[in-house]
N, C-alpha and C. Protein backbone atom coordinates (compact mmCIF):
# COMPACT_ATOMS: atom_id res chain seq x y z
N LEU A 1 198.07 25.31 85.21
CA LEU A 1 198.74 24.46 84.26
C LEU A 1 197.99 24.49 82.94
N LYS A 2 198.70 24.17 81.89
CA LYS A 2 198.07 24.02 80.59
C LYS A 2 198.13 22.56 80.20
N CYS A 3 197.02 22.05 79.74
CA CYS A 3 196.96 20.66 79.28
C CYS A 3 196.61 20.64 77.80
N THR A 4 197.04 19.60 77.15
CA THR A 4 196.73 19.43 75.74
C THR A 4 195.95 18.13 75.56
N CYS A 5 194.80 18.25 74.93
CA CYS A 5 193.94 17.11 74.65
C CYS A 5 194.53 16.31 73.48
N VAL A 6 194.07 15.07 73.27
CA VAL A 6 194.55 14.27 72.15
C VAL A 6 194.20 14.92 70.81
N CYS A 7 193.18 15.81 70.84
CA CYS A 7 192.81 16.53 69.61
C CYS A 7 193.62 17.81 69.43
N ASN A 8 194.65 18.02 70.31
CA ASN A 8 195.53 19.18 70.29
C ASN A 8 194.89 20.47 70.82
N HIS A 9 193.74 20.36 71.43
CA HIS A 9 193.12 21.52 72.08
C HIS A 9 193.85 21.77 73.40
N VAL A 10 194.29 23.01 73.63
CA VAL A 10 195.00 23.38 74.86
C VAL A 10 194.01 24.07 75.78
N PHE A 11 194.00 23.66 77.06
CA PHE A 11 193.07 24.25 78.02
C PHE A 11 193.75 24.38 79.38
N PRO A 12 193.33 25.38 80.17
CA PRO A 12 193.94 25.58 81.49
C PRO A 12 193.33 24.63 82.52
N VAL A 13 194.15 24.24 83.48
CA VAL A 13 193.71 23.40 84.60
C VAL A 13 194.23 24.03 85.88
N VAL A 14 193.36 24.14 86.88
CA VAL A 14 193.75 24.68 88.17
C VAL A 14 193.80 23.53 89.17
N LEU A 15 194.94 23.37 89.83
CA LEU A 15 195.07 22.36 90.86
C LEU A 15 194.77 22.99 92.21
N GLU A 16 193.85 22.43 92.93
CA GLU A 16 193.46 22.95 94.24
C GLU A 16 194.19 22.17 95.32
N ARG A 17 194.93 22.88 96.16
CA ARG A 17 195.69 22.23 97.22
C ARG A 17 194.97 22.27 98.55
N ARG A 18 193.85 22.93 98.61
CA ARG A 18 193.12 23.04 99.86
C ARG A 18 192.41 21.73 100.20
N LYS A 19 192.18 21.53 101.48
CA LYS A 19 191.47 20.33 101.91
C LYS A 19 189.99 20.39 101.55
N HIS A 20 189.43 21.60 101.57
CA HIS A 20 188.02 21.77 101.27
C HIS A 20 187.86 22.89 100.26
N ILE A 21 186.92 22.71 99.35
CA ILE A 21 186.71 23.72 98.33
C ILE A 21 186.16 24.99 98.94
N ARG A 22 186.32 26.07 98.21
CA ARG A 22 185.87 27.38 98.65
C ARG A 22 184.87 27.92 97.65
N LYS A 23 184.06 28.84 98.10
CA LYS A 23 183.08 29.48 97.23
C LYS A 23 183.23 30.99 97.35
N LYS A 24 183.31 31.64 96.22
CA LYS A 24 183.32 33.10 96.21
C LYS A 24 181.89 33.57 96.42
N VAL A 25 181.72 34.49 97.34
CA VAL A 25 180.41 35.01 97.69
C VAL A 25 180.52 36.51 97.95
N GLU A 26 179.40 37.14 98.12
CA GLU A 26 179.34 38.53 98.57
C GLU A 26 178.23 38.60 99.59
N LEU A 27 178.59 38.38 100.86
CA LEU A 27 177.62 38.34 101.94
C LEU A 27 177.87 39.50 102.89
N ARG A 28 176.81 40.20 103.27
CA ARG A 28 176.93 41.29 104.23
C ARG A 28 177.01 40.73 105.64
N GLY A 29 177.73 41.44 106.49
CA GLY A 29 177.80 41.01 107.87
C GLY A 29 178.45 42.05 108.75
N ARG A 30 178.76 41.61 109.97
CA ARG A 30 179.44 42.50 110.90
C ARG A 30 180.34 41.68 111.81
N LEU A 31 181.39 42.32 112.26
CA LEU A 31 182.34 41.71 113.18
C LEU A 31 182.26 42.49 114.49
N LEU A 32 182.13 41.78 115.59
CA LEU A 32 182.07 42.43 116.90
C LEU A 32 183.47 42.52 117.47
N HIS A 33 183.92 43.75 117.67
CA HIS A 33 185.27 44.03 118.17
C HIS A 33 185.14 45.06 119.29
N ALA A 34 185.62 44.71 120.47
CA ALA A 34 185.51 45.59 121.64
C ALA A 34 184.05 45.98 121.87
N ASP A 35 183.17 45.00 121.73
CA ASP A 35 181.72 45.16 121.93
C ASP A 35 181.07 46.16 120.98
N LYS A 36 181.74 46.47 119.87
CA LYS A 36 181.15 47.35 118.86
C LYS A 36 181.08 46.59 117.53
N PRO A 37 179.97 46.76 116.79
CA PRO A 37 179.85 46.10 115.49
C PRO A 37 180.53 46.91 114.38
N PHE A 38 181.28 46.21 113.52
CA PHE A 38 181.93 46.82 112.37
C PHE A 38 181.44 46.09 111.12
N PRO A 39 181.05 46.82 110.08
CA PRO A 39 180.56 46.17 108.86
C PRO A 39 181.67 45.41 108.15
N ILE A 40 181.33 44.24 107.64
CA ILE A 40 182.26 43.42 106.87
C ILE A 40 181.54 42.89 105.64
N LYS A 41 182.33 42.38 104.72
CA LYS A 41 181.79 41.65 103.59
C LYS A 41 182.52 40.32 103.54
N VAL A 42 181.76 39.22 103.56
CA VAL A 42 182.34 37.90 103.42
C VAL A 42 182.51 37.66 101.93
N THR A 43 183.74 37.40 101.49
CA THR A 43 184.02 37.25 100.05
C THR A 43 184.32 35.83 99.63
N ASP A 44 184.52 34.94 100.62
CA ASP A 44 184.96 33.59 100.32
C ASP A 44 184.61 32.71 101.52
N ILE A 45 184.01 31.53 101.27
CA ILE A 45 183.67 30.65 102.38
C ILE A 45 184.16 29.23 102.12
N SER A 46 184.41 28.52 103.21
CA SER A 46 184.68 27.08 103.17
C SER A 46 184.17 26.51 104.49
N ARG A 47 184.31 25.23 104.65
CA ARG A 47 183.87 24.60 105.89
C ARG A 47 184.69 25.06 107.08
N PHE A 48 185.95 25.40 106.87
CA PHE A 48 186.84 25.75 107.97
C PHE A 48 187.01 27.24 108.22
N GLY A 49 186.64 28.09 107.26
CA GLY A 49 186.86 29.51 107.49
C GLY A 49 186.29 30.40 106.41
N LEU A 50 186.63 31.67 106.52
CA LEU A 50 186.11 32.71 105.64
C LEU A 50 187.23 33.66 105.24
N LYS A 51 187.00 34.36 104.13
CA LYS A 51 187.83 35.52 103.79
C LYS A 51 186.90 36.72 103.89
N LEU A 52 187.36 37.74 104.61
CA LEU A 52 186.56 38.93 104.86
C LEU A 52 187.21 40.15 104.24
N LYS A 53 186.38 41.10 103.92
CA LYS A 53 186.85 42.43 103.53
C LYS A 53 186.36 43.38 104.61
N VAL A 54 187.29 44.12 105.21
CA VAL A 54 186.96 45.05 106.29
C VAL A 54 187.36 46.46 105.89
N GLU A 55 186.87 47.42 106.64
CA GLU A 55 187.24 48.80 106.40
C GLU A 55 188.60 49.08 107.03
N TYR A 56 189.33 50.03 106.45
CA TYR A 56 190.58 50.47 107.07
C TYR A 56 190.28 51.04 108.44
N GLY A 57 191.20 50.90 109.33
CA GLY A 57 191.03 51.44 110.67
C GLY A 57 190.55 50.40 111.66
N LEU A 58 190.09 49.25 111.18
CA LEU A 58 189.69 48.18 112.08
C LEU A 58 190.95 47.38 112.42
N ASP A 59 191.42 47.53 113.63
CA ASP A 59 192.68 46.93 114.05
C ASP A 59 192.42 45.54 114.63
N LEU A 60 192.66 44.51 113.82
CA LEU A 60 192.45 43.14 114.26
C LEU A 60 193.78 42.48 114.56
N ASP A 61 193.80 41.69 115.62
CA ASP A 61 195.00 40.97 116.01
C ASP A 61 195.02 39.60 115.38
N VAL A 62 196.15 39.23 114.74
CA VAL A 62 196.33 37.86 114.28
C VAL A 62 196.31 36.98 115.53
N GLU A 63 195.58 35.89 115.48
CA GLU A 63 195.32 34.99 116.60
C GLU A 63 194.26 35.54 117.55
N GLY A 64 193.70 36.72 117.24
CA GLY A 64 192.63 37.27 118.06
C GLY A 64 191.32 36.55 117.78
N LYS A 65 190.50 36.41 118.82
CA LYS A 65 189.21 35.74 118.69
C LYS A 65 188.09 36.77 118.69
N TYR A 66 187.15 36.60 117.76
CA TYR A 66 186.06 37.55 117.59
C TYR A 66 184.78 36.80 117.27
N LEU A 67 183.68 37.53 117.27
CA LEU A 67 182.39 37.00 116.86
C LEU A 67 181.99 37.71 115.58
N ILE A 68 181.56 36.93 114.59
CA ILE A 68 181.04 37.56 113.37
C ILE A 68 179.62 37.07 113.14
N GLU A 69 178.86 37.91 112.46
CA GLU A 69 177.51 37.59 112.04
C GLU A 69 177.40 37.99 110.58
N PHE A 70 176.74 37.12 109.79
CA PHE A 70 176.54 37.44 108.38
C PHE A 70 175.25 36.81 107.90
N ILE A 71 174.79 37.29 106.76
CA ILE A 71 173.52 36.83 106.19
C ILE A 71 173.83 36.02 104.94
N LEU A 72 173.32 34.79 104.91
CA LEU A 72 173.54 33.91 103.77
C LEU A 72 172.70 34.35 102.57
N ASP A 73 173.14 33.96 101.38
CA ASP A 73 172.38 34.25 100.17
C ASP A 73 171.46 33.07 99.83
N ASP A 74 170.93 32.40 100.86
CA ASP A 74 169.97 31.32 100.62
C ASP A 74 168.57 31.92 100.44
N THR A 75 167.58 31.10 100.24
CA THR A 75 166.23 31.61 99.93
C THR A 75 165.60 32.37 101.09
N THR A 76 166.02 32.08 102.33
CA THR A 76 165.42 32.76 103.48
C THR A 76 166.30 33.85 104.07
N GLY A 77 167.49 34.06 103.52
CA GLY A 77 168.40 35.08 104.06
C GLY A 77 168.78 34.78 105.51
N SER A 78 169.18 33.55 105.75
CA SER A 78 169.49 33.09 107.11
C SER A 78 170.64 33.87 107.73
N ARG A 79 170.49 34.18 109.02
CA ARG A 79 171.54 34.84 109.78
C ARG A 79 172.42 33.79 110.43
N VAL A 80 173.74 34.00 110.36
CA VAL A 80 174.71 33.07 110.93
C VAL A 80 175.58 33.84 111.90
N SER A 81 175.84 33.24 113.04
CA SER A 81 176.73 33.83 114.04
C SER A 81 177.80 32.79 114.37
N LYS A 82 179.09 33.17 114.24
CA LYS A 82 180.19 32.23 114.45
C LYS A 82 181.31 32.90 115.22
N GLU A 83 181.98 32.10 116.06
CA GLU A 83 183.21 32.54 116.70
C GLU A 83 184.36 32.20 115.77
N ILE A 84 185.27 33.15 115.61
CA ILE A 84 186.37 32.98 114.67
C ILE A 84 187.69 33.37 115.33
N ILE A 85 188.77 32.92 114.69
CA ILE A 85 190.12 33.36 115.07
C ILE A 85 190.78 33.90 113.81
N VAL A 86 191.39 35.06 113.90
CA VAL A 86 192.03 35.69 112.76
C VAL A 86 193.35 34.98 112.46
N ARG A 87 193.54 34.58 111.21
CA ARG A 87 194.76 33.90 110.80
C ARG A 87 195.68 34.79 109.98
N THR A 88 195.10 35.63 109.11
CA THR A 88 195.91 36.53 108.29
C THR A 88 195.22 37.88 108.16
N VAL A 89 196.02 38.92 108.08
CA VAL A 89 195.52 40.27 107.81
C VAL A 89 196.42 40.88 106.76
N HIS A 90 195.84 41.27 105.65
CA HIS A 90 196.60 41.93 104.58
C HIS A 90 195.76 43.10 104.08
N GLN A 91 196.07 44.28 104.56
CA GLN A 91 195.32 45.49 104.27
C GLN A 91 193.86 45.28 104.64
N LYS A 92 192.95 45.30 103.65
CA LYS A 92 191.53 45.12 103.94
C LYS A 92 191.08 43.66 103.95
N GLN A 93 191.95 42.75 103.51
CA GLN A 93 191.61 41.33 103.43
C GLN A 93 192.00 40.61 104.71
N VAL A 94 191.05 39.86 105.27
CA VAL A 94 191.29 39.14 106.52
C VAL A 94 190.88 37.69 106.32
N GLY A 95 191.78 36.77 106.64
CA GLY A 95 191.47 35.34 106.61
C GLY A 95 191.18 34.87 108.02
N VAL A 96 190.04 34.21 108.21
CA VAL A 96 189.65 33.75 109.54
C VAL A 96 189.33 32.26 109.51
N GLU A 97 189.47 31.63 110.66
CA GLU A 97 189.14 30.22 110.81
C GLU A 97 188.06 30.11 111.87
N PHE A 98 187.10 29.21 111.67
CA PHE A 98 186.08 28.99 112.68
C PHE A 98 186.69 28.30 113.89
N LEU A 99 186.24 28.68 115.09
CA LEU A 99 186.70 28.00 116.29
C LEU A 99 186.11 26.60 116.38
N SER A 100 184.94 26.40 115.80
CA SER A 100 184.33 25.07 115.76
C SER A 100 184.00 24.74 114.31
N TYR A 101 184.34 23.52 113.90
CA TYR A 101 184.03 23.08 112.54
C TYR A 101 182.68 22.37 112.47
N ASP A 102 182.01 22.25 113.59
CA ASP A 102 180.67 21.64 113.62
C ASP A 102 179.65 22.72 113.31
N HIS A 103 178.96 22.55 112.20
CA HIS A 103 177.99 23.54 111.76
C HIS A 103 176.60 22.93 111.78
N TYR A 104 175.99 22.92 112.97
CA TYR A 104 174.66 22.34 113.13
C TYR A 104 173.57 23.40 113.01
N ASP A 105 173.83 24.39 112.21
CA ASP A 105 172.89 25.50 112.05
C ASP A 105 172.60 25.68 110.56
N LYS A 106 172.04 26.81 110.20
CA LYS A 106 171.72 27.10 108.79
C LYS A 106 172.97 27.11 107.92
N PHE A 107 174.11 27.46 108.51
CA PHE A 107 175.35 27.47 107.74
C PHE A 107 175.73 26.05 107.31
N GLY A 108 175.53 25.08 108.18
CA GLY A 108 175.80 23.69 107.83
C GLY A 108 174.92 23.22 106.69
N THR A 109 173.66 23.58 106.73
CA THR A 109 172.73 23.25 105.65
C THR A 109 173.17 23.94 104.36
N TYR A 110 173.57 25.18 104.48
CA TYR A 110 174.05 25.95 103.32
C TYR A 110 175.26 25.26 102.68
N LEU A 111 176.23 24.87 103.51
CA LEU A 111 177.42 24.19 103.00
C LEU A 111 177.05 22.87 102.33
N LEU A 112 176.14 22.14 102.94
CA LEU A 112 175.75 20.83 102.43
C LEU A 112 175.05 20.93 101.08
N PHE A 113 174.14 21.88 100.94
CA PHE A 113 173.33 21.95 99.73
C PHE A 113 173.83 22.93 98.69
N HIS A 114 174.82 23.76 99.02
CA HIS A 114 175.34 24.71 98.05
C HIS A 114 176.73 24.33 97.54
N PHE A 115 177.35 23.28 98.08
CA PHE A 115 178.68 22.90 97.62
C PHE A 115 178.67 22.42 96.17
N ASN A 116 177.55 21.89 95.69
CA ASN A 116 177.52 21.47 94.29
C ASN A 116 177.59 22.66 93.36
N GLU A 117 177.33 23.85 93.88
CA GLU A 117 177.42 25.08 93.08
C GLU A 117 178.75 25.78 93.30
N MET A 118 179.56 25.30 94.21
CA MET A 118 180.78 26.01 94.59
C MET A 118 181.89 25.84 93.54
N VAL A 119 182.63 26.89 93.40
CA VAL A 119 183.77 26.89 92.50
C VAL A 119 184.97 27.32 93.31
N SER A 120 186.07 26.63 93.16
CA SER A 120 187.27 26.98 93.93
C SER A 120 187.93 28.21 93.35
């Protein structure tokens, strides 16, 4: 949307309809499929899920459950392992949801202390 200030300055405004904000990231990781690891890149995170970039040829089932591991961009390079369910697949872009929203690990700490830096 475009808004106009009382001083006649026009500026864009983005309305976020999501329940939780998201953060654009570039995190390395892997997805375990048929007991084999496939490289992925996490491009977007939120409390409930991730957006992944995968290589062509990785055949993922919508509603399929998988395990992913990725490395956070925190000061210690923490490793995170999560069970996920695939919600969308569009070419190389994959939207996934966590099977558990309880993050009692380094990822929970990351979400808690990095959300002030997050941009939707």
